[in-house]
Amino acid sequence: MFLDNILKSPVCQPIKKSYEHWYTFMEENIEFWLPDSEWHTKTHCARVLLLALLIGHQKGLSNEEMDKLGMSAVFHDSRRLDDGIDKGHGARAAEYYKDYCREHNFPFDATTYYINYYHDQDDSHGFSEISKSSNISERAVLLYQIFKDADALDRFRLGPDALNVNFLRTEEAHGLVDFAKFLLQNSLESHS
C-alpha cells in the first residue's frame, strides 16, 4: 500500500484503517481523466487523503465526518482536464461523485458533493455557497476548511515556496507543515 512506512508512525495510527479503506476504494473504483498528470495524480490524492484524515482526527471529527473527508479526497482531482488552474474541475469531480453514487447504489452525501464542487474556488465563494445550502449540516464549512487545508499542504509538490502558510485555515494544518514536507519527500522516494 502507498505510504506503508508513513502509516506505521504513531501520528498515523488513529487514522490508518480509514486511510487504507479510502485508498483502496480510490485504487479500485476511481477513474482519473489525467492518469499521467505531473501534479494531480492518485499519489497527490493519497497524500491529501492522509492529511485530511489527520486534521480531522485532531479536530475530533466523527467517523461519518471523516468518511466525508475521505470520499472528498479520492474524488477531488479525478476530473481535471490539465495541470493548470483548470477552474471547474471541482464541479466536474462533484458530478462524477454524484453519478458514481447513483450508478453503484452508493449513499450520496451532499457535503462531499459541495466540498468537491467548491474546492477549486475562492474560499469566500465556497463558504457562501456551502453556508446557504439547507440540505447540509453547519459543520460542512469546517469540513470544507479542513479539506482545503489538506489539499494546500500538498502544494510543496509544486515547489518549496508553493505553500503560503498564511492562507491555511486551521491551527491543525499549521502544525502539519513539516509533516507535509516529509510526506512528500517520502512518497517521492518510494516512487523512484
Protein backbone atom coordinates (compact mmCIF):
# COMPACT_ATOMS: atom_id res chain seq x y z
CA MET A 1 0.00 0.00 0.00
CA PHE A 2 1.17 3.53 -0.81
CA LEU A 3 2.73 5.26 2.23
CA ASP A 4 3.01 2.00 4.23
CA ASN A 5 6.10 3.21 6.10
CA ILE A 6 4.40 6.53 6.99
CA LEU A 7 1.29 4.71 8.22
CA LYS A 8 3.46 2.89 10.79
CA SER A 9 4.31 6.16 12.54
CA PRO A 10 2.47 6.82 15.82
CA VAL A 11 0.85 10.00 14.46
CA CYS A 12 -0.92 7.96 11.76
CA GLN A 13 -2.11 5.04 13.87
CA PRO A 14 -5.54 6.52 14.72
CA ILE A 15 -6.40 7.08 11.05
CA LYS A 16 -4.57 4.11 9.48
CA LYS A 17 -7.65 1.92 8.90
CA SER A 18 -9.67 4.80 7.45
CA TYR A 19 -6.79 5.77 5.17
CA GLU A 20 -6.37 2.18 3.96
CA HIS A 21 -10.12 1.89 3.31
CA TRP A 22 -10.34 5.08 1.21
CA TYR A 23 -7.02 4.49 -0.55
CA THR A 24 -8.17 1.01 -1.63
CA PHE A 25 -11.52 2.45 -2.68
CA MET A 26 -9.74 5.02 -4.85
CA GLU A 27 -7.41 2.47 -6.43
CA GLU A 28 -10.23 0.07 -7.24
CA ASN A 29 -13.01 2.47 -8.25
CA ILE A 30 -11.94 5.98 -9.23
CA GLU A 31 -11.01 6.77 -12.81
CA PHE A 32 -8.77 9.80 -13.35
CA TRP A 33 -9.01 11.73 -16.60
CA LEU A 34 -5.31 12.70 -16.36
CA PRO A 35 -3.64 9.46 -15.26
CA ASP A 36 -0.23 10.69 -16.43
CA SER A 37 -0.54 14.11 -14.80
CA GLU A 38 2.62 15.54 -13.33
CA TRP A 39 0.89 17.17 -10.34
CA HIS A 40 -2.66 15.84 -9.89
CA THR A 41 -2.27 12.10 -9.57
CA LYS A 42 -3.64 9.40 -7.34
CA THR A 43 -0.49 9.84 -5.24
CA HIS A 44 -1.42 13.50 -4.72
CA CYS A 45 -4.94 12.45 -3.74
CA ALA A 46 -3.48 9.83 -1.37
CA ARG A 47 -1.39 12.47 0.40
CA VAL A 48 -4.40 14.81 0.59
CA LEU A 49 -6.41 11.91 2.00
CA LEU A 50 -3.85 11.26 4.71
CA LEU A 51 -3.53 14.95 5.60
CA ALA A 52 -7.32 15.48 5.67
CA LEU A 53 -7.79 12.47 7.96
CA LEU A 54 -5.00 13.66 10.26
CA ILE A 55 -6.53 17.14 10.57
CA GLY A 56 -9.99 15.63 11.02
CA HIS A 57 -8.74 13.31 13.75
CA GLN A 58 -7.00 16.18 15.54
CA LYS A 59 -10.28 18.14 15.34
CA GLY A 60 -12.14 15.21 16.89
CA LEU A 61 -14.46 14.61 13.94
CA SER A 62 -16.98 11.78 13.96
CA ASN A 63 -16.47 8.68 11.80
CA GLU A 64 -19.17 9.96 9.46
CA GLU A 65 -17.38 13.29 9.05
CA MET A 66 -14.07 11.51 8.49
CA ASP A 67 -15.72 9.47 5.72
CA LYS A 68 -16.88 12.70 4.05
CA LEU A 69 -13.26 13.90 4.03
CA GLY A 70 -12.06 10.55 2.71
CA MET A 71 -14.59 10.48 -0.11
CA SER A 72 -13.81 14.11 -0.99
CA ALA A 73 -10.09 13.40 -1.17
CA VAL A 74 -10.36 10.43 -3.51
CA PHE A 75 -12.65 12.21 -5.99
CA HIS A 76 -11.37 15.81 -5.87
CA ASP A 77 -8.88 15.84 -8.78
CA SER A 78 -10.32 12.94 -10.78
CA ARG A 79 -11.87 15.14 -13.47
CA ARG A 80 -9.05 17.52 -14.33
CA LEU A 81 -8.51 18.48 -17.95
CA ASP A 82 -5.00 19.86 -17.37
CA ASP A 83 -2.41 20.57 -14.69
CA GLY A 84 -3.09 24.31 -14.65
CA ILE A 85 -5.71 26.11 -12.58
CA ASP A 86 -8.47 24.28 -14.51
CA LYS A 87 -11.28 26.12 -12.76
CA GLY A 88 -14.30 23.87 -12.96
CA HIS A 89 -12.53 20.59 -12.21
CA GLY A 90 -14.18 20.66 -8.78
CA ALA A 91 -17.65 20.86 -10.33
CA ARG A 92 -16.78 18.01 -12.71
CA ALA A 93 -15.47 15.89 -9.80
CA ALA A 94 -18.64 16.61 -7.83
CA GLU A 95 -20.79 15.45 -10.75
CA TYR A 96 -18.60 12.34 -11.16
CA TYR A 97 -19.12 11.62 -7.45
CA LYS A 98 -22.90 12.07 -7.78
CA ASP A 99 -23.02 9.85 -10.89
CA TYR A 100 -20.84 7.23 -9.16
CA CYS A 101 -23.22 7.11 -6.20
CA ARG A 102 -26.25 6.70 -8.46
CA GLU A 103 -24.66 4.08 -10.73
CA HIS A 104 -23.24 2.00 -7.87
CA ASN A 105 -26.13 2.35 -5.42
CA PHE A 106 -23.71 4.13 -3.10
CA PRO A 107 -25.04 6.56 -0.46
CA PHE A 108 -24.82 10.14 -1.76
CA ASP A 109 -23.65 12.83 0.67
CA ALA A 110 -24.36 16.48 -0.13
CA THR A 111 -21.43 17.75 1.98
CA THR A 112 -18.99 15.62 -0.01
CA TYR A 113 -20.55 16.93 -3.20
CA TYR A 114 -20.14 20.56 -2.11
CA ILE A 115 -16.58 20.08 -0.85
CA ASN A 116 -15.61 18.69 -4.24
CA TYR A 117 -17.62 21.27 -6.15
CA TYR A 118 -16.07 24.29 -4.45
CA HIS A 119 -12.56 23.07 -3.58
CA ASP A 120 -11.12 24.85 -6.65
CA GLN A 121 -12.92 28.13 -5.86
CA ASP A 122 -12.05 31.11 -3.71
CA ASP A 123 -12.88 30.49 -0.04
CA SER A 124 -15.38 33.32 0.19
CA HIS A 125 -17.41 31.87 -2.67
CA GLY A 126 -17.19 28.31 -1.34
CA PHE A 127 -18.12 29.37 2.22
CA SER A 128 -21.06 31.40 0.93
CA GLU A 129 -22.46 28.63 -1.27
CA ILE A 130 -21.99 25.90 1.33
CA SER A 131 -23.44 28.04 4.13
CA LYS A 132 -26.66 28.78 2.26
CA SER A 133 -27.31 25.13 1.35
CA SER A 134 -30.15 23.90 3.51
CA ASN A 135 -29.52 20.21 2.91
CA ILE A 136 -26.13 20.04 4.65
CA SER A 137 -25.04 20.49 8.24
CA GLU A 138 -23.47 23.61 9.69
CA ARG A 139 -20.27 21.59 10.12
CA ALA A 140 -19.89 21.40 6.34
CA VAL A 141 -17.92 24.67 6.33
CA LEU A 142 -15.47 23.17 8.84
CA LEU A 143 -15.06 20.07 6.66
CA TYR A 144 -14.52 22.32 3.63
CA GLN A 145 -11.81 24.24 5.52
CA ILE A 146 -10.11 21.02 6.61
CA PHE A 147 -10.20 19.65 3.08
CA LYS A 148 -8.86 22.86 1.54
CA ASP A 149 -6.01 22.87 4.09
CA ALA A 150 -5.13 19.23 3.34
CA ASP A 151 -5.05 19.98 -0.39
CA ALA A 152 -2.96 23.10 0.23
CA LEU A 153 -0.46 21.23 2.41
CA ASP A 154 0.45 19.12 -0.61
CA ARG A 155 1.41 22.22 -2.61
CA PHE A 156 5.06 21.51 -1.80
CA ARG A 157 4.96 19.13 -4.77
CA LEU A 158 4.83 22.28 -6.95
CA GLY A 159 7.97 23.76 -5.36
CA PRO A 160 9.47 24.65 -1.98
CA ASP A 161 7.70 28.02 -1.86
CA ALA A 162 4.35 26.91 -3.32
CA LEU A 163 2.51 26.98 0.01
CA ASN A 164 1.77 30.28 1.73
CA VAL A 165 1.06 29.16 5.30
CA ASN A 166 -0.79 32.43 5.95
CA PHE A 167 -3.66 31.03 3.87
CA LEU A 168 -4.09 27.87 5.96
CA ARG A 169 -7.45 27.90 7.70
CA THR A 170 -6.96 25.59 10.70
CA GLU A 171 -4.49 25.53 13.56
CA GLU A 172 -4.01 21.79 12.98
CA ALA A 173 -2.86 22.39 9.39
CA HIS A 174 -0.24 24.87 10.60
CA GLY A 175 1.05 22.09 12.86
CA LEU A 176 1.36 19.69 9.91
CA VAL A 177 3.50 21.82 7.56
CA ASP A 178 6.74 19.98 8.34
CA PHE A 179 4.93 16.63 8.22
CA ALA A 180 3.55 17.53 4.76
CA LYS A 181 7.10 18.20 3.51
CA PHE A 182 8.24 14.88 4.99
CA LEU A 183 5.24 13.09 3.47
CA LEU A 184 6.00 14.42 0.00
CA GLN A 185 9.70 13.56 0.25
CA ASN A 186 8.87 10.06 1.44
CA SER A 187 6.36 9.45 -1.35
CA LEU A 188 8.82 10.72 -3.97
CA GLU A 189 11.50 8.36 -2.67
CA SER A 190 9.12 5.40 -2.65
CA HIS A 191 8.25 6.05 -6.33
CA SER A 192 11.82 6.47 -7.56
